């Protein structure tokens, strides 16, 4: 239920210059599909996990060495999740392979697919091995994971990507890849620490999801100064009661499940409430609990919430209880706790 500064190889330097000169990354704000919360007879599915006001994602592209040096330790220290879009078939990754293998063991490092070579594709046939081979390496980092499972995907920039949206959609679905929202990040789209922090404020003000994607942090290419990055993390820590900082797969699962979820009240009396929570998403891939809020009788002070073999006691706050449950996980029983 509650369940070292390093230098960029010349090829990558050329890539960075190409990206900047062509302006390949969108400067538009991110607007994911975010349907309103569902409700039924006193129970509602909250828009964001744990009832937070907004969602936020941190992304890190290209397996840059500075991410291992300057990013991962900060995330672990602060217990903040980051999405690392790795290029797993080039010499840079090979040189750092053992360090990435160690980093991937951290609960705050979520690995994702940024293609195998970052050389781009000229047709759908070329896209297939780029996705599949990268997935193979990522899966080897987490052999304990069940199959199939979802992985995040970030399209590489500054290289050809000559496939149609439909060809890409079909390929991502085949390989169980979740396409992240369009790129937006410093120093391309945001030119100061204040501008990056403002993205967090905008997410809270609008109750939406926002993301920032980085390349080098304190070194490498497309460099974000460490001071900007740590200021952003300071901000996220300061608003952790309002913002759900998450990984791209969990964000996608929550939105997808929530958008088709239904709640039915099976029974309600002065001592107990029984609910059924369902959604249309494939349970083999979409297994993230949703956060619910249920109004309870005025004399309840605490509540025992049970689904299957899982049970938790939660306090009543302003006449309601908040808890996490799995769609399709069986009847949800709320009982007054003495």
Protein backbone atom coordinates (compact mmCIF):
# COMPACT_ATOMS: atom_id res chain seq x y z
CA UNK A 1 0.00 0.00 0.00
CA UNK A 2 2.28 2.81 1.17
CA UNK A 3 4.24 0.79 -0.53
CA UNK A 4 35.28 15.47 -11.61
CA UNK A 5 34.96 17.72 -14.16
CA UNK A 6 35.82 15.91 -17.38
CA UNK A 7 36.22 16.90 -20.99
CA UNK A 8 33.77 15.86 -23.67
CA UNK A 9 35.12 13.73 -26.51
CA UNK A 10 35.30 15.65 -29.78
CA UNK A 11 32.34 13.79 -31.32
CA UNK A 12 30.09 14.73 -28.44
CA UNK A 13 31.33 18.33 -28.62
CA UNK A 14 30.23 18.42 -32.25
CA UNK A 15 26.86 17.04 -31.24
CA UNK A 16 26.40 19.73 -28.62
CA UNK A 17 27.20 22.46 -31.14
CA UNK A 18 24.80 20.93 -33.64
CA UNK A 19 22.01 20.86 -31.08
CA UNK A 20 22.55 24.48 -30.19
CA UNK A 21 22.85 25.69 -33.76
CA UNK A 22 19.78 23.86 -35.04
CA UNK A 23 17.60 24.67 -32.05
CA UNK A 24 16.26 21.13 -31.96
CA UNK A 25 14.84 21.25 -28.47
CA UNK A 26 11.41 22.70 -27.78
CA UNK A 27 11.07 25.76 -25.59
CA UNK A 28 7.36 25.21 -25.10
CA UNK A 29 6.10 24.44 -21.58
CA UNK A 30 5.31 20.82 -20.88
CA UNK A 31 1.65 19.95 -20.84
CA UNK A 32 0.97 16.30 -20.22
CA UNK A 33 -2.56 14.93 -20.40
CA UNK A 34 -3.90 15.52 -16.91
CA UNK A 35 -7.59 14.66 -16.52
CA UNK A 36 -9.47 15.84 -13.48
CA UNK A 37 -9.57 13.65 -10.41
CA UNK A 38 -12.37 11.08 -10.32
CA UNK A 39 -14.90 10.85 -7.52
CA UNK A 40 -17.80 8.66 -6.43
CA UNK A 41 -20.00 9.00 -3.37
CA UNK A 42 -17.43 10.59 -1.11
CA UNK A 43 -14.28 8.99 -2.55
CA UNK A 44 -12.02 10.70 -5.05
CA UNK A 45 -8.83 9.77 -6.87
CA UNK A 46 -6.36 12.54 -6.19
CA UNK A 47 -4.69 14.17 -9.16
CA UNK A 48 -1.17 13.46 -7.94
CA UNK A 49 0.29 10.77 -5.71
CA UNK A 50 0.05 11.44 -1.97
CA UNK A 51 -2.26 14.35 -2.68
CA UNK A 52 0.60 16.59 -3.79
CA UNK A 53 -0.24 19.78 -5.69
CA UNK A 54 2.08 19.09 -8.64
CA UNK A 55 4.48 16.58 -10.16
CA UNK A 56 8.08 17.15 -11.23
CA UNK A 57 10.73 15.14 -13.04
CA UNK A 58 14.50 15.55 -13.31
CA UNK A 59 16.13 14.09 -16.43
CA UNK A 60 19.80 13.60 -17.31
CA UNK A 61 20.85 12.79 -20.88
CA UNK A 62 23.78 11.09 -22.63
CA UNK A 63 25.46 9.24 -19.72
CA UNK A 64 27.63 12.30 -19.02
CA UNK A 65 30.47 11.60 -16.56
CA UNK A 66 29.67 14.71 -14.53
CA UNK A 67 26.31 13.17 -13.69
CA UNK A 68 28.06 10.39 -11.81
CA UNK A 69 30.33 12.86 -10.05
CA UNK A 70 28.04 15.80 -9.33
CA UNK A 71 24.45 14.63 -9.68
CA UNK A 72 24.07 11.15 -8.23
CA UNK A 73 25.64 12.00 -4.83
CA UNK A 74 23.37 15.03 -4.44
CA UNK A 75 20.25 13.05 -5.31
CA UNK A 76 21.16 10.30 -2.88
CA UNK A 77 21.96 12.78 -0.11
CA UNK A 78 18.61 14.50 -0.56
CA UNK A 79 16.60 11.36 -1.44
CA UNK A 80 15.40 12.88 -4.72
CA UNK A 81 14.74 10.74 -7.80
CA UNK A 82 16.43 11.39 -11.15
CA UNK A 83 15.84 9.85 -14.59
CA UNK A 84 19.08 8.96 -16.38
CA UNK A 85 18.65 8.54 -20.14
CA UNK A 86 21.66 6.36 -20.95
CA UNK A 87 23.39 5.77 -24.29
CA UNK A 88 24.58 2.23 -23.64
CA UNK A 89 26.45 1.30 -26.85
CA UNK A 90 29.19 3.89 -27.20
CA UNK A 91 32.73 4.17 -25.89
CA UNK A 92 31.83 6.71 -23.22
CA UNK A 93 29.37 4.35 -21.58
CA UNK A 94 31.82 1.45 -21.90
CA UNK A 95 34.47 3.44 -20.05
CA UNK A 96 32.04 4.17 -17.23
CA UNK A 97 30.12 0.90 -17.29
CA UNK A 98 31.03 -0.27 -13.80
CA UNK A 99 30.22 3.13 -12.31
CA UNK A 100 26.80 3.16 -13.98
CA UNK A 101 26.17 -0.38 -12.79
CA UNK A 102 26.88 0.73 -9.23
CA UNK A 103 24.81 3.91 -9.56
CA UNK A 104 21.83 1.98 -10.92
CA UNK A 105 21.54 0.16 -7.60
CA UNK A 106 20.48 3.43 -5.95
CA UNK A 107 16.72 3.91 -5.46
CA UNK A 108 17.23 7.50 -6.60
CA UNK A 109 18.76 6.57 -9.98
CA UNK A 110 16.19 5.46 -12.54
CA UNK A 111 17.77 4.32 -15.80
CA UNK A 112 16.05 4.97 -19.12
CA UNK A 113 16.58 4.45 -22.87
CA UNK A 114 18.34 7.15 -24.92
CA UNK A 115 19.07 4.70 -27.78
CA UNK A 116 22.09 2.43 -28.12
CA UNK A 117 24.42 4.74 -30.07
CA UNK A 118 22.82 8.22 -30.17
CA UNK A 119 23.59 8.31 -33.92
CA UNK A 120 19.98 8.73 -34.95
CA UNK A 121 17.95 6.68 -37.43
CA UNK A 122 17.02 7.07 -41.09
CA UNK A 123 14.04 4.72 -41.04
CA UNK A 124 11.99 2.46 -38.78
CA UNK A 125 14.25 -0.52 -39.46
CA UNK A 126 17.24 1.32 -38.02
CA UNK A 127 15.23 2.34 -34.96
CA UNK A 128 14.57 -1.25 -33.94
CA UNK A 129 18.11 -2.24 -32.80
CA UNK A 130 18.69 1.19 -31.28
CA UNK A 131 15.80 0.59 -28.90
CA UNK A 132 16.21 -3.14 -28.37
CA UNK A 133 19.95 -3.15 -27.69
CA UNK A 134 19.69 -0.28 -25.24
CA UNK A 135 16.88 -2.08 -23.43
CA UNK A 136 19.03 -5.20 -23.12
CA UNK A 137 21.73 -3.27 -21.27
CA UNK A 138 19.23 -1.51 -19.04
CA UNK A 139 17.51 -4.78 -18.16
CA UNK A 140 20.86 -6.30 -17.22
CA UNK A 141 21.26 -3.51 -14.66
CA UNK A 142 18.09 -4.76 -12.94
CA UNK A 143 17.79 -8.53 -13.42
CA UNK A 144 15.35 -8.69 -10.51
CA UNK A 145 12.62 -6.88 -12.42
CA UNK A 146 9.69 -8.82 -13.76
CA UNK A 147 9.10 -9.09 -17.49
CA UNK A 148 7.55 -7.27 -19.18
CA UNK A 149 8.02 -3.88 -17.54
CA UNK A 150 8.02 -0.27 -18.65
CA UNK A 151 11.15 1.82 -19.22
CA UNK A 152 11.45 5.51 -19.97
CA UNK A 153 12.55 6.76 -23.39
CA UNK A 154 14.11 10.04 -24.45
CA UNK A 155 14.60 10.70 -28.17
CA UNK A 156 18.19 11.77 -28.90
CA UNK A 157 18.68 15.34 -30.13
CA UNK A 158 21.05 16.73 -32.72
CA UNK A 159 20.93 13.61 -34.91
CA UNK A 160 18.60 12.42 -37.71
CA UNK A 161 15.31 10.91 -36.55
CA UNK A 162 13.58 10.05 -39.82
CA UNK A 163 10.58 8.10 -38.60
CA UNK A 164 6.95 9.11 -38.46
CA UNK A 165 5.17 9.64 -35.14
CA UNK A 166 3.17 6.49 -35.80
CA UNK A 167 6.29 4.43 -36.53
CA UNK A 168 7.81 5.67 -33.30
CA UNK A 169 4.64 4.98 -31.31
CA UNK A 170 4.47 1.40 -32.57
CA UNK A 171 8.16 0.77 -31.80
CA UNK A 172 7.93 2.23 -28.30
CA UNK A 173 4.87 0.14 -27.56
CA UNK A 174 6.61 -3.01 -28.80
CA UNK A 175 9.56 -2.41 -26.49
CA UNK A 176 7.45 -1.21 -23.54
CA UNK A 177 8.97 2.26 -23.61
CA UNK A 178 7.34 5.38 -22.18
CA UNK A 179 8.03 8.51 -24.24
CA UNK A 180 8.96 11.40 -22.01
CA UNK A 181 7.50 14.88 -22.59
CA UNK A 182 9.37 17.20 -25.00
CA UNK A 183 12.83 18.34 -23.95
CA UNK A 184 13.18 21.50 -21.88
CA UNK A 185 16.16 22.30 -19.73
CA UNK A 186 19.17 24.46 -18.94
CA UNK A 187 21.30 25.95 -20.35
CA UNK A 188 19.36 25.81 -23.64
CA UNK A 189 15.93 26.93 -22.51
CA UNK A 190 16.70 28.34 -19.06
CA UNK A 191 19.60 30.75 -18.53
CA UNK A 192 19.87 31.05 -14.74
CA UNK A 193 19.16 29.28 -11.51
CA UNK A 194 16.17 31.56 -10.99
CA UNK A 195 14.66 30.49 -14.30
CA UNK A 196 14.93 26.82 -13.42
CA UNK A 197 13.42 27.38 -9.98
CA UNK A 198 10.55 29.26 -11.63
CA UNK A 199 9.62 26.02 -13.41
CA UNK A 200 8.90 24.44 -10.04
CA UNK A 201 6.78 27.40 -9.00
CA UNK A 202 4.82 27.17 -12.24
CA UNK A 203 4.10 23.50 -11.64
CA UNK A 204 2.69 24.26 -8.19
CA UNK A 205 0.68 27.27 -9.35
CA UNK A 206 -0.98 25.30 -12.17
CA UNK A 207 -1.16 21.94 -10.46
CA UNK A 208 0.62 20.31 -13.37
CA UNK A 209 3.66 18.21 -14.18
CA UNK A 210 6.89 19.87 -15.26
CA UNK A 211 10.34 18.48 -16.04
CA UNK A 212 13.88 19.78 -16.47
CA UNK A 213 16.44 17.80 -18.48
CA UNK A 214 20.18 18.28 -18.03
CA UNK A 215 23.32 17.15 -19.86
CA UNK A 216 26.58 18.03 -18.14
CA UNK A 217 26.37 19.37 -14.59
CA UNK A 218 29.57 21.15 -13.61
CA UNK A 219 31.43 19.72 -16.60
CA UNK A 220 31.19 17.92 -19.95
CA UNK A 221 28.84 19.49 -22.54
CA UNK A 222 25.76 21.70 -22.53
CA UNK A 223 26.88 22.49 -19.03
CA UNK A 224 24.63 23.54 -16.17
CA UNK A 225 26.67 25.07 -13.31
CA UNK A 226 26.61 23.01 -10.15
CA UNK A 227 25.33 26.07 -8.28
CA UNK A 228 22.21 26.21 -10.46
CA UNK A 229 21.57 22.54 -9.93
CA UNK A 230 21.96 22.57 -6.17
CA UNK A 231 19.73 25.65 -5.93
CA UNK A 232 17.05 23.71 -7.80
CA UNK A 233 17.41 20.77 -5.42
CA UNK A 234 17.17 23.16 -2.46
CA UNK A 235 13.89 24.39 -3.92
CA UNK A 236 12.54 20.88 -4.41
CA UNK A 237 13.41 20.02 -0.82
CA UNK A 238 11.65 23.15 0.41
CA UNK A 239 8.41 22.23 -1.39
CA UNK A 240 8.49 18.46 -0.92
CA UNK A 241 5.13 18.60 0.84
CA UNK A 242 3.62 20.08 -2.33
CA UNK A 243 5.50 18.41 -5.20
CA UNK A 244 5.73 14.75 -6.16
CA UNK A 245 9.25 14.33 -7.61
CA UNK A 246 9.11 11.12 -9.56
CA UNK A 247 10.39 9.05 -12.46
CA UNK A 248 8.91 9.07 -15.94
CA UNK A 249 7.41 5.57 -15.71
CA UNK A 250 5.64 6.22 -12.41
CA UNK A 251 4.30 9.53 -13.73
CA UNK A 252 3.02 7.79 -16.86
CA UNK A 253 1.49 4.94 -14.88
CA UNK A 254 -0.30 7.26 -12.49
CA UNK A 255 -1.77 9.45 -15.23
CA UNK A 256 -2.76 6.46 -17.35
CA UNK A 257 -4.42 4.59 -14.51
CA UNK A 258 -6.15 7.68 -13.17
CA UNK A 259 -7.54 8.63 -16.55
CA UNK A 260 -9.57 5.40 -16.84
CA UNK A 261 -10.16 4.62 -13.17
CA UNK A 262 -13.61 4.05 -11.70
CA UNK A 263 -14.71 3.84 -8.07
CA UNK A 264 -17.79 2.06 -6.84
CA UNK A 265 -19.14 2.15 -3.30
CA UNK A 266 -20.19 -1.38 -2.47
CA UNK A 267 -21.39 -0.70 1.07
CA UNK A 268 -21.31 2.16 3.56
CA UNK A 269 -22.54 2.37 7.14
CA UNK A 270 -21.49 4.01 10.42
CA UNK A 271 -18.69 1.49 11.03
CA UNK A 272 -17.29 0.57 7.59
CA UNK A 273 -17.10 1.50 3.91
CA UNK A 274 -16.38 -0.97 1.11
CA UNK A 275 -15.08 0.23 -2.26
CA UNK A 276 -14.09 -1.20 -5.62
CA UNK A 277 -11.34 0.53 -7.63
CA UNK A 278 -10.76 -0.47 -11.26
CA UNK A 279 -9.06 0.93 -14.35
CA UNK A 280 -8.71 -0.13 -17.99
CA UNK A 281 -4.90 -0.19 -18.13
CA UNK A 282 -3.05 -3.49 -18.53
CA UNK A 283 -2.28 -4.65 -14.94
CA UNK A 284 0.89 -6.41 -16.13
CA UNK A 285 2.42 -3.00 -16.89
CA UNK A 286 0.34 -0.61 -14.84
CA UNK A 287 0.68 -1.60 -11.21
CA UNK A 288 1.15 1.69 -9.36
CA UNK A 289 -1.24 2.37 -6.47
CA UNK A 290 -3.43 5.46 -6.80
CA UNK A 291 -3.99 7.89 -3.94
CA UNK A 292 -7.59 8.05 -2.77
CA UNK A 293 -9.42 10.28 -0.34
CA UNK A 294 -12.64 9.11 1.30
CA UNK A 295 -15.03 11.04 3.50
CA UNK A 296 -15.88 9.11 6.67
CA UNK A 297 -18.45 9.53 9.45
CA UNK A 298 -17.87 12.50 11.72
CA UNK A 299 -17.11 10.42 14.81
CA UNK A 300 -14.23 8.48 13.19
CA UNK A 301 -10.79 9.49 14.49
CA UNK A 302 -8.69 6.77 12.88
CA UNK A 303 -9.37 4.30 10.13
CA UNK A 304 -8.05 0.85 9.20
CA UNK A 305 -7.74 0.50 5.42
CA UNK A 306 -7.41 -3.01 4.01
CA UNK A 307 -6.97 -4.38 0.50
CA UNK A 308 -6.12 -8.05 0.17
CA UNK A 309 -3.43 -8.99 2.68
CA UNK A 310 -2.32 -5.37 3.16
CA UNK A 311 -3.63 -3.22 5.96
CA UNK A 312 -2.71 0.20 7.35
CA UNK A 313 -4.12 2.53 9.99
CA UNK A 314 -4.49 6.18 8.98
CA UNK A 315 -5.69 9.22 10.86
CA UNK A 316 -8.84 11.07 9.87
CA UNK A 317 -8.11 14.65 8.81
CA UNK A 318 -10.92 17.14 8.24
CA UNK A 319 -13.44 14.35 7.94
CA UNK A 320 -11.55 12.27 5.38
CA UNK A 321 -8.82 9.64 5.12
CA UNK A 322 -6.12 9.52 2.45
CA UNK A 323 -4.50 6.26 1.36
CA UNK A 324 -2.93 4.41 -1.59
CA UNK A 325 -4.56 1.40 -3.25
CA UNK A 326 -4.08 -0.64 -6.40
CA UNK A 327 -6.73 -0.64 -9.14
CA UNK A 328 -8.03 -4.17 -9.56
CA UNK A 329 -6.34 -5.26 -6.33
CA UNK A 330 -9.54 -6.41 -4.67
CA UNK A 331 -12.13 -4.84 -2.41
CA UNK A 332 -10.99 -1.88 -0.34
CA UNK A 333 -12.37 -1.97 3.20
CA UNK A 334 -12.35 1.05 5.50
CA UNK A 335 -13.23 0.40 9.13
CA UNK A 336 -13.40 2.71 12.08
CA UNK A 337 -10.45 2.17 14.42
CA UNK A 338 -10.98 2.59 18.14
